[in-house]
Amino acid sequence: MPYVKRDQQGQITAVWKEQSEPGTEFIHEGDDELALFLGFSQGGGSGEFSIATDLQMVRVIEDVINLLIAKHVIVLTDLPEAVQNKLLQQRHRRENLLGSTTIIQEGEQRLF
């Protein structure tokens, strides 16, 4: 997710959660062009909110949590149940969509 359709000028004209028709292309969910299409401001260092930057930061935090778990600094069950569920759901979605794409290297101990 997401898939976009573009016009002849290359501008995004529609967004789908799944590839629903020919001619749609996959775009990273943190892409600034997608954020602009969805009505979010592109942050340019002027203090404006940027959904792309926010999504990137969320991903960093998720990877740090996974790293702390892998290094046995924390245990998944130390976290509140709601956080555990969100982490597991997000990990499952990411693996289904992209395969394993964490900062943890291949061959290291499984996180969960």
PDB file of N, CA and C in Angstrom:
ATOM      1  N   MET A   1       0.843  -1.163   0.000  1.00  0.00           N
ATOM      2  CA  MET A   1       0.000   0.000   0.000  1.00  0.00           C
ATOM      3  C   MET A   1       0.884   1.219   0.000  1.00  0.00           C
ATOM      4  N   PRO A   2       0.554   2.250  -0.625  1.00  0.00           N
ATOM      5  CA  PRO A   2      -0.565   2.496  -1.522  1.00  0.00           C
ATOM      6  C   PRO A   2      -0.159   2.391  -2.993  1.00  0.00           C
ATOM      7  N   TYR A   3      -1.160   2.326  -3.823  1.00  0.00           N
ATOM      8  CA  TYR A   3      -0.953   2.343  -5.265  1.00  0.00           C
ATOM      9  C   TYR A   3      -1.593   3.614  -5.799  1.00  0.00           C
ATOM     10  N   VAL A   4      -0.959   4.222  -6.778  1.00  0.00           N
ATOM     11  CA  VAL A   4      -1.472   5.474  -7.318  1.00  0.00           C
ATOM     12  C   VAL A   4      -1.657   5.362  -8.823  1.00  0.00           C
ATOM     13  N   LYS A   5      -2.540   6.211  -9.318  1.00  0.00           N
ATOM     14  CA  LYS A   5      -2.732   6.376 -10.754  1.00  0.00           C
ATOM     15  C   LYS A   5      -2.326   7.796 -11.085  1.00  0.00           C
ATOM     16  N   ARG A   6      -1.671   7.975 -12.205  1.00  0.00           N
ATOM     17  CA  ARG A   6      -1.180   9.288 -12.612  1.00  0.00           C
ATOM     18  C   ARG A   6      -1.825   9.724 -13.927  1.00  0.00           C
ATOM     19  N   ASP A   7      -1.906  11.050 -14.115  1.00  0.00           N
ATOM     20  CA  ASP A   7      -2.392  11.587 -15.379  1.00  0.00           C
ATOM     21  C   ASP A   7      -1.225  11.681 -16.373  1.00  0.00           C
ATOM     22  N   GLN A   8      -1.480  12.251 -17.535  1.00  0.00           N
ATOM     23  CA  GLN A   8      -0.448  12.341 -18.574  1.00  0.00           C
ATOM     24  C   GLN A   8       0.717  13.239 -18.171  1.00  0.00           C
ATOM     25  N   GLN A   9       0.507  14.138 -17.236  1.00  0.00           N
ATOM     26  CA  GLN A   9       1.574  15.012 -16.750  1.00  0.00           C
ATOM     27  C   GLN A   9       2.347  14.385 -15.597  1.00  0.00           C
ATOM     28  N   GLY A  10       1.952  13.167 -15.180  1.00  0.00           N
ATOM     29  CA  GLY A  10       2.649  12.483 -14.105  1.00  0.00           C
ATOM     30  C   GLY A  10       2.141  12.828 -12.716  1.00  0.00           C
ATOM     31  N   GLN A  11       1.056  13.583 -12.638  1.00  0.00           N
ATOM     32  CA  GLN A  11       0.480  13.962 -11.349  1.00  0.00           C
ATOM     33  C   GLN A  11      -0.422  12.841 -10.827  1.00  0.00           C
ATOM     34  N   ILE A  12      -0.398  12.621  -9.530  1.00  0.00           N
ATOM     35  CA  ILE A  12      -1.264  11.617  -8.915  1.00  0.00           C
ATOM     36  C   ILE A  12      -2.719  12.066  -9.041  1.00  0.00           C
ATOM     37  N   THR A  13      -3.558  11.135  -9.500  1.00  0.00           N
ATOM     38  CA  THR A  13      -4.987  11.451  -9.644  1.00  0.00           C
ATOM     39  C   THR A  13      -5.876  10.564  -8.773  1.00  0.00           C
ATOM     40  N   ALA A  14      -5.345   9.436  -8.307  1.00  0.00           N
ATOM     41  CA  ALA A  14      -6.129   8.533  -7.472  1.00  0.00           C
ATOM     42  C   ALA A  14      -5.180   7.669  -6.645  1.00  0.00           C
ATOM     43  N   VAL A  15      -5.689   7.204  -5.486  1.00  0.00           N
ATOM     44  CA  VAL A  15      -4.901   6.360  -4.589  1.00  0.00           C
ATOM     45  C   VAL A  15      -5.756   5.165  -4.183  1.00  0.00           C
ATOM     46  N   TRP A  16      -5.133   3.975  -4.190  1.00  0.00           N
ATOM     47  CA  TRP A  16      -5.780   2.758  -3.747  1.00  0.00           C
ATOM     48  C   TRP A  16      -4.927   2.054  -2.714  1.00  0.00           C
ATOM     49  N   LYS A  17      -5.579   1.321  -1.835  1.00  0.00           N
ATOM     50  CA  LYS A  17      -4.871   0.523  -0.831  1.00  0.00           C
ATOM     51  C   LYS A  17      -4.194  -0.671  -1.493  1.00  0.00           C
ATOM     52  N   GLU A  18      -4.845  -1.255  -2.493  1.00  0.00           N
ATOM     53  CA  GLU A  18      -4.328  -2.415  -3.210  1.00  0.00           C
ATOM     54  C   GLU A  18      -4.316  -2.101  -4.695  1.00  0.00           C
ATOM     55  N   GLN A  19      -3.503  -2.839  -5.429  1.00  0.00           N
ATOM     56  CA  GLN A  19      -3.459  -2.629  -6.874  1.00  0.00           C
ATOM     57  C   GLN A  19      -4.768  -3.123  -7.457  1.00  0.00           C
ATOM     58  N   SER A  20      -5.601  -2.189  -7.892  1.00  0.00           N
ATOM     59  CA  SER A  20      -6.951  -2.550  -8.291  1.00  0.00           C
ATOM     60  C   SER A  20      -7.158  -2.547  -9.793  1.00  0.00           C
ATOM     61  N   GLU A  21      -6.271  -1.919 -10.520  1.00  0.00           N
ATOM     62  CA  GLU A  21      -6.439  -1.886 -11.967  1.00  0.00           C
ATOM     63  C   GLU A  21      -5.089  -1.686 -12.633  1.00  0.00           C
ATOM     64  N   PRO A  22      -4.987  -2.078 -13.902  1.00  0.00           N
ATOM     65  CA  PRO A  22      -3.734  -1.875 -14.625  1.00  0.00           C
ATOM     66  C   PRO A  22      -3.384  -0.379 -14.692  1.00  0.00           C
ATOM     67  N   GLY A  23      -2.122  -0.098 -14.698  1.00  0.00           N
ATOM     68  CA  GLY A  23      -1.696   1.293 -14.803  1.00  0.00           C
ATOM     69  C   GLY A  23      -1.448   1.956 -13.464  1.00  0.00           C
ATOM     70  N   THR A  24      -1.740   1.251 -12.371  1.00  0.00           N
ATOM     71  CA  THR A  24      -1.434   1.825 -11.070  1.00  0.00           C
ATOM     72  C   THR A  24      -0.013   1.442 -10.700  1.00  0.00           C
ATOM     73  N   GLU A  25       0.630   2.298  -9.935  1.00  0.00           N
ATOM     74  CA  GLU A  25       2.008   2.025  -9.517  1.00  0.00           C
ATOM     75  C   GLU A  25       2.112   2.086  -8.006  1.00  0.00           C
ATOM     76  N   PHE A  26       2.995   1.266  -7.459  1.00  0.00           N
ATOM     77  CA  PHE A  26       3.258   1.285  -6.024  1.00  0.00           C
ATOM     78  C   PHE A  26       4.036   2.549  -5.698  1.00  0.00           C
ATOM     79  N   ILE A  27       3.693   3.175  -4.573  1.00  0.00           N
ATOM     80  CA  ILE A  27       4.417   4.348  -4.110  1.00  0.00           C
ATOM     81  C   ILE A  27       4.605   4.187  -2.602  1.00  0.00           C
ATOM     82  N   HIS A  28       5.759   4.579  -2.102  1.00  0.00           N
ATOM     83  CA  HIS A  28       6.032   4.454  -0.668  1.00  0.00           C
ATOM     84  C   HIS A  28       5.061   5.339   0.104  1.00  0.00           C
ATOM     85  N   GLU A  29       4.504   4.812   1.191  1.00  0.00           N
ATOM     86  CA  GLU A  29       3.481   5.548   1.943  1.00  0.00           C
ATOM     87  C   GLU A  29       4.002   6.841   2.554  1.00  0.00           C
ATOM     88  N   GLY A  30       5.318   6.996   2.666  1.00  0.00           N
ATOM     89  CA  GLY A  30       5.885   8.225   3.203  1.00  0.00           C
ATOM     90  C   GLY A  30       6.285   9.223   2.130  1.00  0.00           C
ATOM     91  N   ASP A  31       5.942   8.945   0.890  1.00  0.00           N
ATOM     92  CA  ASP A  31       6.328   9.798  -0.228  1.00  0.00           C
ATOM     93  C   ASP A  31       5.704  11.192  -0.101  1.00  0.00           C
ATOM     94  N   ASP A  32       6.518  12.233  -0.281  1.00  0.00           N
ATOM     95  CA  ASP A  32       6.033  13.611  -0.159  1.00  0.00           C
ATOM     96  C   ASP A  32       4.958  13.941  -1.200  1.00  0.00           C
ATOM     97  N   GLU A  33       5.089  13.394  -2.398  1.00  0.00           N
ATOM     98  CA  GLU A  33       4.091  13.656  -3.440  1.00  0.00           C
ATOM     99  C   GLU A  33       2.733  13.084  -3.032  1.00  0.00           C
ATOM    100  N   LEU A  34       2.737  11.904  -2.418  1.00  0.00           N
ATOM    101  CA  LEU A  34       1.496  11.310  -1.931  1.00  0.00           C
ATOM    102  C   LEU A  34       0.909  12.147  -0.805  1.00  0.00           C
ATOM    103  N   ALA A  35       1.767  12.594   0.116  1.00  0.00           N
ATOM    104  CA  ALA A  35       1.298  13.432   1.222  1.00  0.00           C
ATOM    105  C   ALA A  35       0.654  14.709   0.691  1.00  0.00           C
ATOM    106  N   LEU A  36       1.261  15.315  -0.314  1.00  0.00           N
ATOM    107  CA  LEU A  36       0.713  16.533  -0.905  1.00  0.00           C
ATOM    108  C   LEU A  36      -0.646  16.254  -1.546  1.00  0.00           C
ATOM    109  N   PHE A  37      -0.755  15.138  -2.267  1.00  0.00           N
ATOM    110  CA  PHE A  37      -2.021  14.752  -2.886  1.00  0.00           C
ATOM    111  C   PHE A  37      -3.120  14.567  -1.840  1.00  0.00           C
ATOM    112  N   LEU A  38      -2.740  13.976  -0.703  1.00  0.00           N
ATOM    113  CA  LEU A  38      -3.720  13.717   0.356  1.00  0.00           C
ATOM    114  C   LEU A  38      -4.054  14.955   1.178  1.00  0.00           C
ATOM    115  N   GLY A  39      -3.388  16.056   0.869  1.00  0.00           N
ATOM    116  CA  GLY A  39      -3.723  17.307   1.532  1.00  0.00           C
ATOM    117  C   GLY A  39      -2.847  17.671   2.698  1.00  0.00           C
ATOM    118  N   PHE A  40      -1.742  16.978   2.880  1.00  0.00           N
ATOM    119  CA  PHE A  40      -0.802  17.323   3.932  1.00  0.00           C
ATOM    120  C   PHE A  40       0.256  18.248   3.366  1.00  0.00           C
ATOM    121  N   SER A  41       0.751  19.119   4.194  1.00  0.00           N
ATOM    122  CA  SER A  41       1.799  20.047   3.787  1.00  0.00           C
ATOM    123  C   SER A  41       3.121  19.321   3.686  1.00  0.00           C
ATOM    124  N   GLN A  42       3.932  19.726   2.717  1.00  0.00           N
ATOM    125  CA  GLN A  42       5.293  19.228   2.635  1.00  0.00           C
ATOM    126  C   GLN A  42       6.150  20.082   3.541  1.00  0.00           C
ATOM    127  N   GLY A  43       6.692  19.482   4.580  1.00  0.00           N
ATOM    128  CA  GLY A  43       7.555  20.233   5.480  1.00  0.00           C
ATOM    129  C   GLY A  43       8.860  20.564   4.802  1.00  0.00           C
ATOM    130  N   GLY A  44       9.298  21.791   4.933  1.00  0.00           N
ATOM    131  CA  GLY A  44      10.535  22.186   4.301  1.00  0.00           C
ATOM    132  C   GLY A  44      11.465  22.833   5.289  1.00  0.00           C
ATOM    133  N   GLY A  45      11.414  22.404   6.530  1.00  0.00           N
ATOM    134  CA  GLY A  45      12.292  22.995   7.521  1.00  0.00           C
ATOM    135  C   GLY A  45      11.737  24.273   8.104  1.00  0.00           C
ATOM    136  N   SER A  46      10.554  24.680   7.687  1.00  0.00           N
ATOM    137  CA  SER A  46       9.979  25.924   8.170  1.00  0.00           C
ATOM    138  C   SER A  46       9.050  25.701   9.355  1.00  0.00           C
ATOM    139  N   GLY A  47       9.088  24.534   9.928  1.00  0.00           N
ATOM    140  CA  GLY A  47       8.234  24.246  11.065  1.00  0.00           C
ATOM    141  C   GLY A  47       6.897  23.674  10.673  1.00  0.00           C
ATOM    142  N   GLU A  48       6.638  23.487   9.370  1.00  0.00           N
ATOM    143  CA  GLU A  48       5.382  22.911   8.925  1.00  0.00           C
ATOM    144  C   GLU A  48       5.387  21.417   9.197  1.00  0.00           C
ATOM    145  N   PHE A  49       4.201  20.886   9.445  1.00  0.00           N
ATOM    146  CA  PHE A  49       4.062  19.447   9.652  1.00  0.00           C
ATOM    147  C   PHE A  49       4.227  18.738   8.321  1.00  0.00           C
ATOM    148  N   SER A  50       4.953  17.664   8.314  1.00  0.00           N
ATOM    149  CA  SER A  50       5.115  16.843   7.126  1.00  0.00           C
ATOM    150  C   SER A  50       4.738  15.418   7.473  1.00  0.00           C
ATOM    151  N   ILE A  51       3.705  14.902   6.840  1.00  0.00           N
ATOM    152  CA  ILE A  51       3.286  13.531   7.091  1.00  0.00           C
ATOM    153  C   ILE A  51       4.391  12.572   6.699  1.00  0.00           C
ATOM    154  N   ALA A  52       5.139  12.867   5.661  1.00  0.00           N
ATOM    155  CA  ALA A  52       6.225  11.980   5.229  1.00  0.00           C
ATOM    156  C   ALA A  52       7.298  11.882   6.302  1.00  0.00           C
ATOM    157  N   THR A  53       7.684  13.010   6.872  1.00  0.00           N
ATOM    158  CA  THR A  53       8.690  13.011   7.926  1.00  0.00           C
ATOM    159  C   THR A  53       8.163  12.301   9.164  1.00  0.00           C
ATOM    160  N   ASP A  54       6.902  12.530   9.474  1.00  0.00           N
ATOM    161  CA  ASP A  54       6.286  11.882  10.629  1.00  0.00           C
ATOM    162  C   ASP A  54       6.271  10.366  10.450  1.00  0.00           C
ATOM    163  N   LEU A  55       5.922   9.894   9.256  1.00  0.00           N
ATOM    164  CA  LEU A  55       5.899   8.457   8.995  1.00  0.00           C
ATOM    165  C   LEU A  55       7.304   7.857   9.062  1.00  0.00           C
ATOM    166  N   GLN A  56       8.279   8.608   8.596  1.00  0.00           N
ATOM    167  CA  GLN A  56       9.663   8.132   8.678  1.00  0.00           C
ATOM    168  C   GLN A  56      10.091   8.002  10.139  1.00  0.00           C
ATOM    169  N   MET A  57       9.697   8.950  10.961  1.00  0.00           N
ATOM    170  CA  MET A  57      10.069   8.899  12.373  1.00  0.00           C
ATOM    171  C   MET A  57       9.382   7.736  13.079  1.00  0.00           C
ATOM    172  N   VAL A  58       8.145   7.472  12.744  1.00  0.00           N
ATOM    173  CA  VAL A  58       7.431   6.330  13.313  1.00  0.00           C
ATOM    174  C   VAL A  58       8.165   5.046  12.963  1.00  0.00           C
ATOM    175  N   ARG A  59       8.637   4.957  11.727  1.00  0.00           N
ATOM    176  CA  ARG A  59       9.369   3.759  11.298  1.00  0.00           C
ATOM    177  C   ARG A  59      10.672   3.607  12.082  1.00  0.00           C
ATOM    178  N   VAL A  60      11.367   4.712  12.323  1.00  0.00           N
ATOM    179  CA  VAL A  60      12.601   4.667  13.106  1.00  0.00           C
ATOM    180  C   VAL A  60      12.300   4.153  14.515  1.00  0.00           C
ATOM    181  N   ILE A  61      11.266   4.675  15.120  1.00  0.00           N
ATOM    182  CA  ILE A  61      10.899   4.251  16.485  1.00  0.00           C
ATOM    183  C   ILE A  61      10.544   2.773  16.504  1.00  0.00           C
ATOM    184  N   GLU A  62       9.788   2.319  15.514  1.00  0.00           N
ATOM    185  CA  GLU A  62       9.434   0.906  15.431  1.00  0.00           C
ATOM    186  C   GLU A  62      10.695   0.037  15.323  1.00  0.00           C
ATOM    187  N   ASP A  63      11.642   0.445  14.485  1.00  0.00           N
ATOM    188  CA  ASP A  63      12.875  -0.321  14.333  1.00  0.00           C
ATOM    189  C   ASP A  63      13.716  -0.302  15.603  1.00  0.00           C
ATOM    190  N   VAL A  64      13.732   0.816  16.316  1.00  0.00           N
ATOM    191  CA  VAL A  64      14.468   0.882  17.585  1.00  0.00           C
ATOM    192  C   VAL A  64      13.847  -0.074  18.604  1.00  0.00           C
ATOM    193  N   ILE A  65      12.521  -0.096  18.690  1.00  0.00           N
ATOM    194  CA  ILE A  65      11.853  -1.023  19.604  1.00  0.00           C
ATOM    195  C   ILE A  65      12.207  -2.464  19.240  1.00  0.00           C
ATOM    196  N   ASN A  66      12.154  -2.793  17.947  1.00  0.00           N
ATOM    197  CA  ASN A  66      12.500  -4.144  17.513  1.00  0.00           C
ATOM    198  C   ASN A  66      13.952  -4.478  17.840  1.00  0.00           C
ATOM    199  N   LEU A  67      14.843  -3.512  17.690  1.00  0.00           N
ATOM    200  CA  LEU A  67      16.250  -3.729  18.020  1.00  0.00           C
ATOM    201  C   LEU A  67      16.426  -3.974  19.519  1.00  0.00           C
ATOM    202  N   LEU A  68      15.758  -3.191  20.347  1.00  0.00           N
ATOM    203  CA  LEU A  68      15.834  -3.381  21.799  1.00  0.00           C
ATOM    204  C   LEU A  68      15.315  -4.760  22.209  1.00  0.00           C
ATOM    205  N   ILE A  69      14.275  -5.220  21.544  1.00  0.00           N
ATOM    206  CA  ILE A  69      13.746  -6.556  21.827  1.00  0.00           C
ATOM    207  C   ILE A  69      14.758  -7.613  21.383  1.00  0.00           C
ATOM    208  N   ALA A  70      15.313  -7.447  20.204  1.00  0.00           N
ATOM    209  CA  ALA A  70      16.283  -8.421  19.689  1.00  0.00           C
ATOM    210  C   ALA A  70      17.525  -8.498  20.558  1.00  0.00           C
ATOM    211  N   LYS A  71      17.931  -7.377  21.150  1.00  0.00           N
ATOM    212  CA  LYS A  71      19.121  -7.336  21.998  1.00  0.00           C
ATOM    213  C   LYS A  71      18.798  -7.676  23.455  1.00  0.00           C
ATOM    214  N   HIS A  72      17.551  -8.046  23.718  1.00  0.00           N
ATOM    215  CA  HIS A  72      17.087  -8.446  25.052  1.00  0.00           C
ATOM    216  C   HIS A  72      17.208  -7.313  26.082  1.00  0.00           C
ATOM    217  N   VAL A  73      17.101  -6.083  25.608  1.00  0.00           N
ATOM    218  CA  VAL A  73      17.078  -4.937  26.517  1.00  0.00           C
ATOM    219  C   VAL A  73      15.674  -4.805  27.112  1.00  0.00           C
ATOM    220  N   ILE A  74      14.674  -5.061  26.276  1.00  0.00           N
ATOM    221  CA  ILE A  74      13.291  -5.105  26.740  1.00  0.00           C
ATOM    222  C   ILE A  74      12.660  -6.393  26.216  1.00  0.00           C
ATOM    223  N   VAL A  75      11.541  -6.746  26.788  1.00  0.00           N
ATOM    224  CA  VAL A  75      10.768  -7.907  26.342  1.00  0.00           C
ATOM    225  C   VAL A  75       9.451  -7.367  25.807  1.00  0.00           C
ATOM    226  N   LEU A  76       8.988  -7.933  24.714  1.00  0.00           N
ATOM    227  CA  LEU A  76       7.742  -7.472  24.111  1.00  0.00           C
ATOM    228  C   LEU A  76       6.633  -7.366  25.148  1.00  0.00           C
ATOM    229  N   THR A  77       6.562  -8.323  26.059  1.00  0.00           N
ATOM    230  CA  THR A  77       5.490  -8.324  27.059  1.00  0.00           C
ATOM    231  C   THR A  77       5.669  -7.240  28.125  1.00  0.00           C
ATOM    232  N   ASP A  78       6.813  -6.544  28.126  1.00  0.00           N
ATOM    233  CA  ASP A  78       6.984  -5.391  29.016  1.00  0.00           C
ATOM    234  C   ASP A  78       6.120  -4.216  28.558  1.00  0.00           C
ATOM    235  N   LEU A  79       5.786  -4.212  27.303  1.00  0.00           N
ATOM    236  CA  LEU A  79       5.012  -3.111  26.725  1.00  0.00           C
ATOM    237  C   LEU A  79       3.524  -3.329  26.972  1.00  0.00           C
ATOM    238  N   PRO A  80       2.746  -2.248  27.002  1.00  0.00           N
ATOM    239  CA  PRO A  80       1.297  -2.402  27.162  1.00  0.00           C
ATOM    240  C   PRO A  80       0.716  -3.275  26.046  1.00  0.00           C
ATOM    241  N   GLU A  81      -0.344  -3.989  26.353  1.00  0.00           N
ATOM    242  CA  GLU A  81      -0.945  -4.918  25.397  1.00  0.00           C
ATOM    243  C   GLU A  81      -1.320  -4.232  24.081  1.00  0.00           C
ATOM    244  N   ALA A  82      -1.846  -3.025  24.164  1.00  0.00           N
ATOM    245  CA  ALA A  82      -2.226  -2.304  22.943  1.00  0.00           C
ATOM    246  C   ALA A  82      -1.007  -2.041  22.063  1.00  0.00           C
ATOM    247  N   VAL A  83       0.131  -1.708  22.684  1.00  0.00           N
ATOM    248  CA  VAL A  83       1.365  -1.462  21.935  1.00  0.00           C
ATOM    249  C   VAL A  83       1.864  -2.769  21.330  1.00  0.00           C
ATOM    250  N   GLN A  84       1.811  -3.844  22.102  1.00  0.00           N
ATOM    251  CA  GLN A  84       2.218  -5.154  21.584  1.00  0.00           C
ATOM    252  C   GLN A  84       1.417  -5.500  20.327  1.00  0.00           C
ATOM    253  N   ASN A  85       0.103  -5.320  20.409  1.00  0.00           N
ATOM    254  CA  ASN A  85      -0.765  -5.645  19.276  1.00  0.00           C
ATOM    255  C   ASN A  85      -0.438  -4.796  18.057  1.00  0.00           C
ATOM    256  N   LYS A  86      -0.222  -3.501  18.264  1.00  0.00           N
ATOM    257  CA  LYS A  86       0.107  -2.615  17.139  1.00  0.00           C
ATOM    258  C   LYS A  86       1.441  -2.995  16.503  1.00  0.00           C
ATOM    259  N   LEU A  87       2.439  -3.289  17.325  1.00  0.00           N
ATOM    260  CA  LEU A  87       3.742  -3.690  16.791  1.00  0.00           C
ATOM    261  C   LEU A  87       3.644  -4.985  15.988  1.00  0.00           C
ATOM    262  N   LEU A  88       2.926  -5.960  16.535  1.00  0.00           N
ATOM    263  CA  LEU A  88       2.786  -7.241  15.841  1.00  0.00           C
ATOM    264  C   LEU A  88       1.989  -7.101  14.547  1.00  0.00           C
ATOM    265  N   GLN A  89       0.921  -6.306  14.582  1.00  0.00           N
ATOM    266  CA  GLN A  89       0.119  -6.091  13.377  1.00  0.00           C
ATOM    267  C   GLN A  89       0.937  -5.384  12.299  1.00  0.00           C
ATOM    268  N   GLN A  90       1.684  -4.366  12.696  1.00  0.00           N
ATOM    269  CA  GLN A  90       2.486  -3.618  11.730  1.00  0.00           C
ATOM    270  C   GLN A  90       3.578  -4.501  11.136  1.00  0.00           C
ATOM    271  N   ARG A  91       4.209  -5.283  11.988  1.00  0.00           N
ATOM    272  CA  ARG A  91       5.258  -6.189  11.510  1.00  0.00           C
ATOM    273  C   ARG A  91       4.683  -7.186  10.506  1.00  0.00           C
ATOM    274  N   HIS A  92       3.506  -7.726  10.812  1.00  0.00           N
ATOM    275  CA  HIS A  92       2.846  -8.681   9.918  1.00  0.00           C
ATOM    276  C   HIS A  92       2.498  -8.018   8.584  1.00  0.00           C
ATOM    277  N   ARG A  93       1.933  -6.809   8.636  1.00  0.00           N
ATOM    278  CA  ARG A  93       1.595  -6.087   7.400  1.00  0.00           C
ATOM    279  C   ARG A  93       2.836  -5.824   6.556  1.00  0.00           C
ATOM    280  N   ARG A  94       3.903  -5.361   7.200  1.00  0.00           N
ATOM    281  CA  ARG A  94       5.130  -5.040   6.463  1.00  0.00           C
ATOM    282  C   ARG A  94       5.733  -6.290   5.828  1.00  0.00           C
ATOM    283  N   GLU A  95       5.753  -7.405   6.564  1.00  0.00           N
ATOM    284  CA  GLU A  95       6.294  -8.647   6.009  1.00  0.00           C
ATOM    285  C   GLU A  95       5.461  -9.141   4.836  1.00  0.00           C
ATOM    286  N   ASN A  96       4.140  -9.017   4.928  1.00  0.00           N
ATOM    287  CA  ASN A  96       3.271  -9.431   3.822  1.00  0.00           C
ATOM    288  C   ASN A  96       3.471  -8.556   2.599  1.00  0.00           C
ATOM    289  N   LEU A  97       3.711  -7.277   2.825  1.00  0.00           N
ATOM    290  CA  LEU A  97       3.844  -6.342   1.711  1.00  0.00           C
ATOM    291  C   LEU A  97       5.254  -6.329   1.139  1.00  0.00           C
ATOM    292  N   LEU A  98       6.252  -6.233   1.998  1.00  0.00           N
ATOM    293  CA  LEU A  98       7.617  -6.007   1.535  1.00  0.00           C
ATOM    294  C   LEU A  98       8.601  -7.107   1.894  1.00  0.00           C
ATOM    295  N   GLY A  99       8.199  -8.064   2.703  1.00  0.00           N
ATOM    296  CA  GLY A  99       9.151  -9.017   3.250  1.00  0.00           C
ATOM    297  C   GLY A  99       9.783  -8.390   4.476  1.00  0.00           C
ATOM    298  N   SER A 100      10.728  -9.035   5.062  1.00  0.00           N
ATOM    299  CA  SER A 100      11.365  -8.512   6.270  1.00  0.00           C
ATOM    300  C   SER A 100      12.228  -7.317   5.910  1.00  0.00           C
ATOM    301  N   THR A 101      11.878  -6.149   6.418  1.00  0.00           N
ATOM    302  CA  THR A 101      12.629  -4.935   6.100  1.00  0.00           C
ATOM    303  C   THR A 101      12.890  -4.148   7.372  1.00  0.00           C
ATOM    304  N   THR A 102      13.641  -4.735   8.267  1.00  0.00           N
ATOM    305  CA  THR A 102      13.970  -4.032   9.498  1.00  0.00           C
ATOM    306  C   THR A 102      15.449  -3.711   9.491  1.00  0.00           C
ATOM    307  N   ILE A 103      15.887  -2.989  10.508  1.00  0.00           N
ATOM    308  CA  ILE A 103      17.301  -2.670  10.615  1.00  0.00           C
ATOM    309  C   ILE A 103      18.084  -3.840  11.178  1.00  0.00           C
ATOM    310  N   ILE A 104      17.375  -4.891  11.598  1.00  0.00           N
ATOM    311  CA  ILE A 104      18.022  -6.102  12.104  1.00  0.00           C
ATOM    312  C   ILE A 104      18.547  -6.876  10.906  1.00  0.00           C
ATOM    313  N   GLN A 105      19.780  -7.325  10.967  1.00  0.00           N
ATOM    314  CA  GLN A 105      20.408  -8.036   9.864  1.00  0.00           C
ATOM    315  C   GLN A 105      19.917  -9.477   9.783  1.00  0.00           C
ATOM    316  N   GLU A 106      19.969 -10.037   8.563  1.00  0.00           N
ATOM    317  CA  GLU A 106      19.634 -11.442   8.355  1.00  0.00           C
ATOM    318  C   GLU A 106      20.487 -12.307   9.277  1.00  0.00           C
ATOM    319  N   GLY A 107      19.941 -13.368   9.779  1.00  0.00           N
ATOM    320  CA  GLY A 107      20.686 -14.288  10.602  1.00  0.00           C
ATOM    321  C   GLY A 107      20.638 -13.951  12.074  1.00  0.00           C
ATOM    322  N   GLU A 108      20.218 -12.728  12.434  1.00  0.00           N
ATOM    323  CA  GLU A 108      20.084 -12.406  13.845  1.00  0.00           C
ATOM    324  C   GLU A 108      18.832 -13.064  14.371  1.00  0.00           C
ATOM    325  N   GLN A 109      18.767 -13.183  15.665  1.00  0.00           N
ATOM    326  CA  GLN A 109      17.646 -13.856  16.319  1.00  0.00           C
ATOM    327  C   GLN A 109      16.325 -13.208  15.914  1.00  0.00           C
ATOM    328  N   ARG A 110      15.306 -14.046  15.695  1.00  0.00           N
ATOM    329  CA  ARG A 110      13.962 -13.537  15.392  1.00  0.00           C
ATOM    330  C   ARG A 110      13.500 -12.650  16.535  1.00  0.00           C
ATOM    331  N   LEU A 111      12.732 -11.652  16.226  1.00  0.00           N
ATOM    332  CA  LEU A 111      12.322 -10.670  17.236  1.00  0.00           C
ATOM    333  C   LEU A 111      11.248 -11.205  18.163  1.00  0.00           C
ATOM    334  N   PHE A 112      10.320 -11.962  17.649  1.00  0.00           N
ATOM    335  CA  PHE A 112       9.183 -12.391  18.463  1.00  0.00           C
ATOM    336  C   PHE A 112       9.044 -13.893  18.369  1.00  0.00           C
TER     337      PHE A 112
END
